Amino acid sequence: NVSLPAEPTLAQLEEVGLFSVAQTAAPVTTAAQVAEDAGVALVDGVWTQQWVITDLDADTIAGNQMLAVAALQADIVQQTQNRLDDFARTRNYDGILSACTYATSAVPKFQSEGQYAVNARDATWATLYTLMAEVEAGTRPMPTSFDDVEPSLPQLTWPL
């Protein structure tokens, strides 16, 4: 049952057992470690947040690596889809799927663009899945992001 002023002083807080704590950034860890909050300690007269670094066991490390690879793969697949959709939007289609539906259009311009969209989509996904198979086979290094993959994908340029 303590009432404090709207803006208490440090002395007033300490009088009732409350102390200001200096927060610190979590230390940098490797993929084989985790930083955990270890409470606070009085350091040079200032209550300061403390950290402890714990080494992870081999099973946890392997599981984390599998999750990271799966997340990277999902991100690359999504960015590849976004790339195709963004390309189709440059000709006012809703996305690549919409553009592809025009491959059977009776309007020659739309039919040509639709067929190009089908070919670009097929070439893009075929290339991406080949790259992914090469990574899985160990004949290509693991990409760190979509930026490592994009230069290997087919160029997306509408025919004149």
Protein backbone atom coordinates (compact mmCIF):
# COMPACT_ATOMS: atom_id res chain seq x y z
CA ASN A 1 0.00 0.00 0.00
CA VAL A 2 2.34 2.68 -1.26
CA SER A 3 1.38 5.88 -2.97
CA LEU A 4 4.02 7.66 -5.00
CA PRO A 5 4.08 11.13 -6.50
CA ALA A 6 3.41 11.38 -10.26
CA GLU A 7 7.15 11.78 -10.88
CA PRO A 8 8.97 10.22 -7.94
CA THR A 9 12.65 10.88 -7.31
CA LEU A 10 15.16 8.03 -7.15
CA ALA A 11 15.40 8.54 -3.39
CA GLN A 12 11.62 8.15 -3.00
CA LEU A 13 11.66 4.95 -5.08
CA GLU A 14 14.59 3.49 -3.13
CA GLU A 15 12.83 4.34 0.15
CA VAL A 16 10.09 1.81 -0.74
CA GLY A 17 12.47 -0.75 -2.26
CA LEU A 18 12.10 0.19 -5.92
CA PHE A 19 15.19 0.76 -8.01
CA SER A 20 15.85 1.94 -11.54
CA VAL A 21 17.48 -0.75 -13.68
CA ALA A 22 19.78 0.06 -16.59
CA GLN A 23 18.80 -2.23 -19.45
CA THR A 24 21.61 -3.68 -21.53
CA ALA A 25 21.53 -5.22 -24.98
CA ALA A 26 21.69 -9.00 -25.16
CA PRO A 27 25.20 -10.13 -25.98
CA VAL A 28 25.96 -11.41 -29.46
CA THR A 29 25.78 -15.19 -29.63
CA THR A 30 26.57 -17.84 -32.19
CA ALA A 31 24.07 -20.32 -33.63
CA ALA A 32 25.25 -22.73 -30.92
CA GLN A 33 24.40 -20.40 -28.01
CA VAL A 34 21.54 -18.54 -26.43
CA ALA A 35 21.62 -15.40 -24.27
CA GLU A 36 19.28 -15.50 -21.29
CA ASP A 37 18.30 -12.75 -18.86
CA ALA A 38 20.12 -13.38 -15.58
CA GLY A 39 18.42 -10.71 -13.50
CA VAL A 40 20.10 -7.58 -12.22
CA ALA A 41 23.25 -6.75 -10.29
CA LEU A 42 24.56 -3.60 -8.66
CA VAL A 43 27.42 -2.42 -10.87
CA ASP A 44 29.23 0.79 -9.90
CA GLY A 45 26.18 1.92 -7.94
CA VAL A 46 23.72 1.24 -10.79
CA TRP A 47 21.34 -1.69 -10.94
CA THR A 48 22.17 -3.24 -14.31
CA GLN A 49 20.55 -6.01 -16.34
CA GLN A 50 22.75 -9.10 -16.57
CA TRP A 51 22.99 -11.86 -19.17
CA VAL A 52 24.26 -15.42 -19.20
CA ILE A 53 25.28 -17.23 -22.38
CA THR A 54 24.40 -20.91 -22.52
CA ASP A 55 25.73 -23.39 -25.07
CA LEU A 56 23.00 -25.34 -26.87
CA ASP A 57 23.05 -29.11 -27.22
CA ALA A 58 23.64 -30.73 -30.63
CA ASP A 59 19.97 -31.69 -31.13
CA THR A 60 18.78 -28.13 -30.47
CA ILE A 61 21.41 -26.73 -32.83
CA ALA A 62 20.38 -29.17 -35.58
CA GLY A 63 16.70 -28.34 -35.05
CA ASN A 64 17.41 -24.60 -35.17
CA GLN A 65 19.39 -25.04 -38.38
CA MET A 66 16.54 -27.00 -39.98
CA LEU A 67 14.07 -24.28 -38.99
CA ALA A 68 16.36 -21.55 -40.36
CA VAL A 69 16.78 -23.39 -43.68
CA ALA A 70 13.02 -23.92 -43.97
CA ALA A 71 12.35 -20.24 -43.22
CA LEU A 72 14.96 -19.15 -45.79
CA GLN A 73 13.49 -21.47 -48.41
CA ALA A 74 9.96 -20.16 -47.76
CA ASP A 75 11.21 -16.57 -48.02
CA ILE A 76 12.98 -17.27 -51.32
CA VAL A 77 9.88 -18.96 -52.75
CA GLN A 78 7.67 -16.03 -51.64
CA GLN A 79 10.04 -13.42 -53.07
CA THR A 80 10.19 -15.36 -56.35
CA GLN A 81 6.39 -15.28 -56.50
CA ASN A 82 6.39 -11.56 -55.66
CA ARG A 83 8.92 -10.96 -58.45
CA LEU A 84 6.65 -12.67 -61.00
CA ASP A 85 3.55 -10.86 -59.73
CA ASP A 86 5.31 -7.48 -59.76
CA PHE A 87 6.45 -8.13 -63.32
CA ALA A 88 2.90 -8.92 -64.47
CA ARG A 89 1.63 -5.77 -62.79
CA THR A 90 3.85 -3.68 -65.06
CA ARG A 91 1.29 -4.47 -67.78
CA ASN A 92 -1.69 -3.94 -65.45
CA TYR A 93 -2.42 -7.60 -64.73
CA ASP A 94 -3.40 -8.49 -61.15
CA GLY A 95 -0.44 -10.88 -60.95
CA ILE A 96 1.32 -13.58 -62.92
CA LEU A 97 -1.61 -15.99 -62.65
CA SER A 98 -3.95 -13.39 -64.10
CA ALA A 99 -1.51 -12.65 -66.94
CA CYS A 100 -1.17 -16.36 -67.74
CA THR A 101 -4.92 -16.75 -68.20
CA TYR A 102 -4.69 -14.48 -71.25
CA ALA A 103 -2.61 -17.04 -73.18
CA THR A 104 -5.86 -18.22 -74.81
CA SER A 105 -7.30 -14.75 -75.38
CA ALA A 106 -8.87 -13.90 -78.73
CA VAL A 107 -7.12 -10.50 -78.59
CA PRO A 108 -3.65 -10.97 -80.15
CA LYS A 109 -1.89 -8.50 -77.81
CA PHE A 110 -3.29 -10.18 -74.68
CA GLN A 111 -2.65 -13.66 -76.09
CA SER A 112 0.99 -12.79 -76.76
CA GLU A 113 1.49 -11.28 -73.30
CA GLY A 114 -0.32 -14.20 -71.68
CA GLN A 115 1.88 -16.75 -73.43
CA TYR A 116 4.99 -14.79 -72.51
CA ALA A 117 3.80 -14.78 -68.87
CA VAL A 118 3.33 -18.57 -68.99
CA ASN A 119 6.81 -19.05 -70.43
CA ALA A 120 8.40 -16.64 -67.93
CA ARG A 121 6.62 -18.29 -65.01
CA ASP A 122 7.64 -21.79 -66.14
CA ALA A 123 11.26 -20.80 -66.72
CA THR A 124 11.47 -19.01 -63.37
CA TRP A 125 10.11 -21.88 -61.29
CA ALA A 126 12.09 -24.50 -63.21
CA THR A 127 15.27 -22.52 -62.58
CA LEU A 128 14.51 -21.97 -58.91
CA TYR A 129 13.76 -25.64 -58.26
CA THR A 130 16.95 -26.64 -60.10
CA LEU A 131 18.93 -24.24 -57.88
CA MET A 132 17.27 -25.64 -54.77
CA ALA A 133 18.09 -29.21 -55.84
CA GLU A 134 21.72 -28.20 -56.38
CA VAL A 135 21.87 -26.74 -52.86
CA GLU A 136 20.33 -29.91 -51.44
CA ALA A 137 22.84 -32.05 -53.38
CA GLY A 138 25.70 -29.94 -52.07
CA THR A 139 26.83 -28.80 -55.52
CA ARG A 140 25.80 -25.19 -54.88
CA PRO A 141 26.36 -23.16 -51.71
CA MET A 142 23.43 -22.40 -49.45
CA PRO A 143 22.10 -18.93 -50.30
CA THR A 144 21.89 -16.45 -47.46
CA SER A 145 18.95 -14.56 -48.98
CA PHE A 146 16.88 -14.06 -52.13
CA ASP A 147 19.58 -11.64 -53.33
CA ASP A 148 21.90 -14.65 -53.79
CA VAL A 149 19.31 -16.40 -55.97
CA GLU A 150 17.72 -13.63 -58.04
CA PRO A 151 20.66 -13.11 -60.46
CA SER A 152 20.34 -16.78 -61.52
CA LEU A 153 16.64 -16.46 -62.35
CA PRO A 154 15.57 -15.67 -65.92
CA GLN A 155 15.30 -12.03 -66.87
CA LEU A 156 11.74 -10.72 -66.92
CA THR A 157 11.39 -8.32 -69.85
CA TRP A 158 8.24 -7.96 -71.90
CA PRO A 159 8.77 -8.49 -75.65
CA LEU A 160 8.34 -5.32 -77.68
